[in-house]
Amino acid sequence: MVASGLGIALVPSSLARIGVLGISFRKIADNIPSIRLALATGPNAPSAVLANFVAAARKGSGSGERHHHPLPMGCEAG
C-alpha cells in the first residue's frame, strides 16, 4: 500500500538499508509525542492469532479499554 501511495508504515530503521523501489524512508525524531491509537477488527470471533495480537496490543498500550463503534449507515464490512 505504501508503494502504491495509499498508506504509510512505521518500520524499524534497519529496513531503510534494504532499499525498496518506490518507498522513501524518513527518520522520526527521537522525542516522539504520544498519540491515541485505535485497532479495528471485524465483528466475528477472532482467530487465535488475532486474539493474541489484540491482547498484546492492549498490554503494550497500558490500556485495557475496549470500545465498540458500529459502522456508519451505508458502510458495509468486507
Protein backbone atom coordinates (compact mmCIF):
# COMPACT_ATOMS: atom_id res chain seq x y z
CA MET A 1 0.00 0.00 0.00
CA VAL A 2 2.88 2.34 0.74
CA ALA A 3 4.49 1.87 -2.69
CA SER A 4 1.14 2.49 -4.39
CA GLY A 5 0.69 5.76 -2.50
CA LEU A 6 -2.21 4.52 -0.38
CA GLY A 7 -0.59 4.35 3.03
CA ILE A 8 2.27 4.88 5.41
CA ALA A 9 4.06 2.44 7.68
CA LEU A 10 6.14 2.69 10.81
CA VAL A 11 9.00 0.24 10.37
CA PRO A 12 12.35 -0.45 12.02
CA SER A 13 15.13 1.78 10.71
CA SER A 14 17.01 -1.32 9.56
CA LEU A 15 14.56 -1.68 6.66
CA ALA A 16 15.88 1.54 5.14
CA ARG A 17 19.13 -0.27 4.30
CA ILE A 18 17.27 -2.80 2.15
CA GLY A 19 16.03 -0.20 -0.32
CA VAL A 20 12.59 -0.83 -1.75
CA LEU A 21 11.64 0.61 -5.14
CA GLY A 22 9.01 3.33 -4.73
CA ILE A 23 9.48 3.66 -0.97
CA SER A 24 11.12 6.58 0.84
CA PHE A 25 12.27 6.14 4.41
CA ARG A 26 12.31 9.05 6.85
CA LYS A 27 13.80 9.07 10.34
CA ILE A 28 11.37 10.00 13.09
CA ALA A 29 12.65 12.43 15.71
CA ASP A 30 13.88 10.90 18.96
CA ASN A 31 11.29 12.73 21.09
CA ILE A 32 8.14 11.22 19.65
CA PRO A 33 4.95 12.60 21.21
CA SER A 34 2.43 10.04 22.40
CA ILE A 35 -0.78 9.70 20.44
CA ARG A 36 -4.03 7.81 20.80
CA LEU A 37 -4.33 4.78 18.54
CA ALA A 38 -7.23 2.59 17.59
CA LEU A 39 -7.28 -1.03 16.47
CA ALA A 40 -10.14 -2.12 14.23
CA THR A 41 -11.19 -5.75 13.87
CA GLY A 42 -14.12 -7.47 12.23
CA PRO A 43 -17.31 -8.30 14.15
CA ASN A 44 -16.83 -12.09 14.00
CA ALA A 45 -14.99 -14.16 16.60
CA PRO A 46 -11.27 -13.55 16.03
CA SER A 47 -8.79 -16.27 15.17
CA ALA A 48 -6.32 -17.30 17.86
CA VAL A 49 -3.59 -15.28 16.13
CA LEU A 50 -5.74 -12.14 16.02
CA ALA A 51 -6.88 -12.61 19.62
CA ASN A 52 -3.24 -12.86 20.74
CA PHE A 53 -2.30 -9.76 18.73
CA VAL A 54 -5.17 -7.74 20.23
CA ALA A 55 -4.20 -8.89 23.74
CA ALA A 56 -0.56 -7.91 23.14
CA ALA A 57 -1.60 -4.52 21.74
CA ARG A 58 -3.77 -3.83 24.79
CA LYS A 59 -0.99 -4.89 27.16
CA GLY A 60 1.62 -2.81 25.32
CA SER A 61 -0.59 0.25 25.29
CA GLY A 62 -1.13 0.14 29.02
CA SER A 63 -4.85 0.30 28.34
CA GLY A 64 -7.38 -2.46 28.58
CA GLU A 65 -10.07 -0.18 27.20
CA ARG A 66 -12.43 -1.67 24.68
CA HIS A 67 -14.96 0.35 22.76
CA HIS A 68 -17.29 -0.93 20.09
CA HIS A 69 -18.27 1.51 17.37
CA PRO A 70 -20.59 0.07 14.71
CA LEU A 71 -20.13 1.09 11.09
CA PRO A 72 -21.96 4.23 9.99
CA MET A 73 -25.15 3.81 7.96
CA GLY A 74 -24.36 2.94 4.34
CA CYS A 75 -21.00 1.33 5.14
CA GLU A 76 -20.68 -2.40 4.83
CA ALA A 77 -17.89 -4.56 6.19
CA GLY A 78 -15.91 -6.87 3.95
